[in-house]
Amino acid sequence: MPLISTKGVYGLTAMYELSKHDDDTPLQIKEISASADIPQNYLEQLLSKLRRAGLVKSIRGARGGYILAAPANEIKVVDILIVLEDDIKVIDSKAKNPVLNIFFDEAKKNTKELFDITLEQLDEYQDKYNEFLHYSI
């Protein structure tokens, strides 16, 4: 089983799309779905879960949609993934060997630390992608 499922990838993608939206106007599900290539029905479920967790706000009405509940520099990737994945799992069950359990607990802690960046910090990966494009031409 992968560390992060499609649920986590799609949810993080949607949150990143919301963080890139400069306007204070909400993004509609159909806009997020189209730009992030996420099935709209699935996206509705994910955004509902993120809303209940307080990471996004939904705005009702004809011009309604979703916005981040806090600035992008205050929302951490690890928090998004934990909401959507229920936890970040390195292993699904405990080993019979206590030494391995300590190892797996440490691996889980290190993994959470790896994802302990904000949505805003994901822009650093945009810069890396731009450099890659520049050098691959």
C-alpha atoms as a PDB file:
ATOM      1  CA  MET A   1       0.000   0.000   0.000  1.00  0.00           C
ATOM      2  CA  PRO A   2       1.381   3.415  -0.879  1.00  0.00           C
ATOM      3  CA  LEU A   3       2.262   5.924   1.782  1.00  0.00           C
ATOM      4  CA  ILE A   4      -0.086   8.490   0.240  1.00  0.00           C
ATOM      5  CA  SER A   5      -3.158   7.391  -1.671  1.00  0.00           C
ATOM      6  CA  THR A   6      -4.959   9.121  -4.522  1.00  0.00           C
ATOM      7  CA  LYS A   7      -7.102  10.775  -1.856  1.00  0.00           C
ATOM      8  CA  GLY A   8      -4.056  12.514  -0.399  1.00  0.00           C
ATOM      9  CA  VAL A   9      -2.578  13.436  -3.778  1.00  0.00           C
ATOM     10  CA  TYR A  10      -5.862  14.861  -5.092  1.00  0.00           C
ATOM     11  CA  GLY A  11      -6.605  16.702  -1.860  1.00  0.00           C
ATOM     12  CA  LEU A  12      -3.149  18.250  -1.696  1.00  0.00           C
ATOM     13  CA  THR A  13      -3.442  19.198  -5.373  1.00  0.00           C
ATOM     14  CA  ALA A  14      -6.773  20.921  -4.728  1.00  0.00           C
ATOM     15  CA  MET A  15      -5.351  22.779  -1.740  1.00  0.00           C
ATOM     16  CA  TYR A  16      -2.367  23.907  -3.803  1.00  0.00           C
ATOM     17  CA  GLU A  17      -4.738  25.132  -6.533  1.00  0.00           C
ATOM     18  CA  LEU A  18      -6.622  27.151  -3.920  1.00  0.00           C
ATOM     19  CA  SER A  19      -3.349  28.587  -2.605  1.00  0.00           C
ATOM     20  CA  LYS A  20      -2.387  29.769  -6.101  1.00  0.00           C
ATOM     21  CA  HIS A  21      -5.688  31.568  -6.631  1.00  0.00           C
ATOM     22  CA  ASP A  22      -4.749  35.220  -6.095  1.00  0.00           C
ATOM     23  CA  ASP A  23      -8.269  36.535  -5.851  1.00  0.00           C
ATOM     24  CA  ASP A  24     -10.234  36.619  -2.634  1.00  0.00           C
ATOM     25  CA  THR A  25     -13.084  35.175  -4.633  1.00  0.00           C
ATOM     26  CA  PRO A  26     -13.838  31.498  -4.119  1.00  0.00           C
ATOM     27  CA  LEU A  27     -12.948  28.851  -6.662  1.00  0.00           C
ATOM     28  CA  GLN A  28     -15.794  26.651  -7.785  1.00  0.00           C
ATOM     29  CA  ILE A  29     -15.417  22.890  -7.708  1.00  0.00           C
ATOM     30  CA  LYS A  30     -15.670  22.701 -11.496  1.00  0.00           C
ATOM     31  CA  GLU A  31     -12.746  25.132 -11.844  1.00  0.00           C
ATOM     32  CA  ILE A  32     -10.553  23.199  -9.402  1.00  0.00           C
ATOM     33  CA  SER A  33     -11.565  19.918 -11.008  1.00  0.00           C
ATOM     34  CA  ALA A  34     -10.679  21.134 -14.503  1.00  0.00           C
ATOM     35  CA  SER A  35      -7.361  22.778 -13.635  1.00  0.00           C
ATOM     36  CA  ALA A  36      -6.182  19.959 -11.348  1.00  0.00           C
ATOM     37  CA  ASP A  37      -7.623  17.098 -13.415  1.00  0.00           C
ATOM     38  CA  ILE A  38      -9.543  15.656 -10.467  1.00  0.00           C
ATOM     39  CA  PRO A  39     -12.946  13.973 -10.914  1.00  0.00           C
ATOM     40  CA  GLN A  40     -15.537  16.464  -9.667  1.00  0.00           C
ATOM     41  CA  ASN A  41     -17.541  14.006  -7.525  1.00  0.00           C
ATOM     42  CA  TYR A  42     -14.387  12.808  -5.772  1.00  0.00           C
ATOM     43  CA  LEU A  43     -13.211  16.385  -5.275  1.00  0.00           C
ATOM     44  CA  GLU A  44     -16.502  17.268  -3.564  1.00  0.00           C
ATOM     45  CA  GLN A  45     -15.912  14.507  -1.009  1.00  0.00           C
ATOM     46  CA  LEU A  46     -12.337  15.632  -0.364  1.00  0.00           C
ATOM     47  CA  LEU A  47     -13.228  19.306   0.001  1.00  0.00           C
ATOM     48  CA  SER A  48     -16.048  18.387   2.365  1.00  0.00           C
ATOM     49  CA  LYS A  49     -13.582  16.516   4.578  1.00  0.00           C
ATOM     50  CA  LEU A  50     -11.101  19.416   4.413  1.00  0.00           C
ATOM     51  CA  ARG A  51     -13.911  21.847   5.301  1.00  0.00           C
ATOM     52  CA  ARG A  52     -14.919  19.809   8.358  1.00  0.00           C
ATOM     53  CA  ALA A  53     -11.262  19.865   9.435  1.00  0.00           C
ATOM     54  CA  GLY A  54     -11.189  23.665   9.149  1.00  0.00           C
ATOM     55  CA  LEU A  55      -8.667  23.833   6.305  1.00  0.00           C
ATOM     56  CA  VAL A  56     -11.034  25.311   3.694  1.00  0.00           C
ATOM     57  CA  LYS A  57     -14.185  27.408   3.834  1.00  0.00           C
ATOM     58  CA  SER A  58     -17.140  26.976   1.538  1.00  0.00           C
ATOM     59  CA  ILE A  59     -19.007  29.998   0.269  1.00  0.00           C
ATOM     60  CA  ARG A  60     -22.602  29.477  -0.815  1.00  0.00           C
ATOM     61  CA  GLY A  61     -24.348  31.088  -3.747  1.00  0.00           C
ATOM     62  CA  ALA A  62     -23.974  31.546  -7.479  1.00  0.00           C
ATOM     63  CA  ARG A  63     -20.475  32.947  -7.059  1.00  0.00           C
ATOM     64  CA  GLY A  64     -19.654  30.558  -4.259  1.00  0.00           C
ATOM     65  CA  GLY A  65     -16.996  27.928  -4.021  1.00  0.00           C
ATOM     66  CA  TYR A  66     -14.008  27.249  -1.796  1.00  0.00           C
ATOM     67  CA  ILE A  67     -11.231  29.323  -0.280  1.00  0.00           C
ATOM     68  CA  LEU A  68      -8.430  28.439   2.119  1.00  0.00           C
ATOM     69  CA  ALA A  69      -9.445  28.867   5.747  1.00  0.00           C
ATOM     70  CA  ALA A  70      -6.036  30.368   6.557  1.00  0.00           C
ATOM     71  CA  PRO A  71      -3.164  31.891   4.581  1.00  0.00           C
ATOM     72  CA  ALA A  72      -1.076  29.417   2.559  1.00  0.00           C
ATOM     73  CA  ASN A  73       1.912  30.064   4.816  1.00  0.00           C
ATOM     74  CA  GLU A  74      -0.080  28.729   7.793  1.00  0.00           C
ATOM     75  CA  ILE A  75      -1.437  25.489   6.289  1.00  0.00           C
ATOM     76  CA  LYS A  76       0.949  22.556   6.453  1.00  0.00           C
ATOM     77  CA  VAL A  77       1.088  19.692   3.978  1.00  0.00           C
ATOM     78  CA  VAL A  78       1.289  17.194   6.852  1.00  0.00           C
ATOM     79  CA  ASP A  79      -2.015  18.488   8.277  1.00  0.00           C
ATOM     80  CA  ILE A  80      -3.761  18.106   4.916  1.00  0.00           C
ATOM     81  CA  LEU A  81      -2.460  14.569   4.479  1.00  0.00           C
ATOM     82  CA  ILE A  82      -3.403  13.515   8.004  1.00  0.00           C
ATOM     83  CA  VAL A  83      -6.971  14.782   7.475  1.00  0.00           C
ATOM     84  CA  LEU A  84      -7.323  12.917   4.196  1.00  0.00           C
ATOM     85  CA  GLU A  85      -5.339   9.776   4.983  1.00  0.00           C
ATOM     86  CA  ASP A  86      -6.389   9.613   8.662  1.00  0.00           C
ATOM     87  CA  ASP A  87      -2.666   9.444   9.436  1.00  0.00           C
ATOM     88  CA  ILE A  88       0.602   9.035   7.580  1.00  0.00           C
ATOM     89  CA  LYS A  89       1.262   5.339   7.730  1.00  0.00           C
ATOM     90  CA  VAL A  90       4.614   3.739   7.152  1.00  0.00           C
ATOM     91  CA  ILE A  91       3.242   0.363   8.189  1.00  0.00           C
ATOM     92  CA  ASP A  92      -0.320  -0.794   8.829  1.00  0.00           C
ATOM     93  CA  SER A  93       0.340  -3.065  11.812  1.00  0.00           C
ATOM     94  CA  LYS A  94       2.869  -3.573  14.558  1.00  0.00           C
ATOM     95  CA  ALA A  95       5.742  -5.983  14.119  1.00  0.00           C
ATOM     96  CA  LYS A  96       6.340  -8.712  16.672  1.00  0.00           C
ATOM     97  CA  ASN A  97       9.876  -7.444  17.071  1.00  0.00           C
ATOM     98  CA  PRO A  98      10.122  -4.382  19.392  1.00  0.00           C
ATOM     99  CA  VAL A  99      13.298  -3.192  17.648  1.00  0.00           C
ATOM    100  CA  LEU A 100      11.411  -3.006  14.338  1.00  0.00           C
ATOM    101  CA  ASN A 101       8.527  -1.200  16.026  1.00  0.00           C
ATOM    102  CA  ILE A 102      10.959   1.482  17.224  1.00  0.00           C
ATOM    103  CA  PHE A 103      12.378   1.685  13.690  1.00  0.00           C
ATOM    104  CA  PHE A 104       8.902   2.046  12.144  1.00  0.00           C
ATOM    105  CA  ASP A 105       7.865   4.657  14.731  1.00  0.00           C
ATOM    106  CA  GLU A 106      10.990   6.647  13.900  1.00  0.00           C
ATOM    107  CA  ALA A 107      10.334   6.278  10.164  1.00  0.00           C
ATOM    108  CA  LYS A 108       6.798   7.620  10.699  1.00  0.00           C
ATOM    109  CA  LYS A 109       8.143  10.590  12.684  1.00  0.00           C
ATOM    110  CA  ASN A 110      10.730  11.363   9.982  1.00  0.00           C
ATOM    111  CA  THR A 111       8.091  11.113   7.267  1.00  0.00           C
ATOM    112  CA  LYS A 112       5.843  13.572   9.078  1.00  0.00           C
ATOM    113  CA  GLU A 113       8.798  15.947   9.411  1.00  0.00           C
ATOM    114  CA  LEU A 114       9.445  15.658   5.664  1.00  0.00           C
ATOM    115  CA  PHE A 115       5.882  16.818   4.972  1.00  0.00           C
ATOM    116  CA  ASP A 116       6.062  19.558   7.611  1.00  0.00           C
ATOM    117  CA  ILE A 117       6.095  22.362   5.049  1.00  0.00           C
ATOM    118  CA  THR A 118       3.419  24.887   4.200  1.00  0.00           C
ATOM    119  CA  LEU A 119       1.439  25.218   0.989  1.00  0.00           C
ATOM    120  CA  GLU A 120       3.401  28.388   0.322  1.00  0.00           C
ATOM    121  CA  GLN A 121       6.701  26.492   0.572  1.00  0.00           C
ATOM    122  CA  LEU A 122       5.557  24.214  -2.273  1.00  0.00           C
ATOM    123  CA  ASP A 123       6.435  27.146  -4.539  1.00  0.00           C
ATOM    124  CA  GLU A 124      10.066  26.109  -4.082  1.00  0.00           C
ATOM    125  CA  TYR A 125       9.212  23.030  -6.136  1.00  0.00           C
ATOM    126  CA  GLN A 126       7.775  25.280  -8.848  1.00  0.00           C
ATOM    127  CA  ASP A 127      11.179  26.963  -8.983  1.00  0.00           C
ATOM    128  CA  LYS A 128      12.882  23.550  -9.267  1.00  0.00           C
ATOM    129  CA  TYR A 129      10.474  22.577 -12.039  1.00  0.00           C
ATOM    130  CA  ASN A 130      11.216  25.822 -13.892  1.00  0.00           C
ATOM    131  CA  GLU A 131      14.956  25.136 -13.600  1.00  0.00           C
ATOM    132  CA  PHE A 132      14.406  21.631 -14.931  1.00  0.00           C
ATOM    133  CA  LEU A 133      12.515  23.017 -17.934  1.00  0.00           C
ATOM    134  CA  HIS A 134      15.245  25.567 -18.529  1.00  0.00           C
ATOM    135  CA  TYR A 135      18.014  22.950 -18.544  1.00  0.00           C
ATOM    136  CA  SER A 136      16.100  20.381 -20.552  1.00  0.00           C
ATOM    137  CA  ILE A 137      15.632  22.721 -23.516  1.00  0.00           C
END
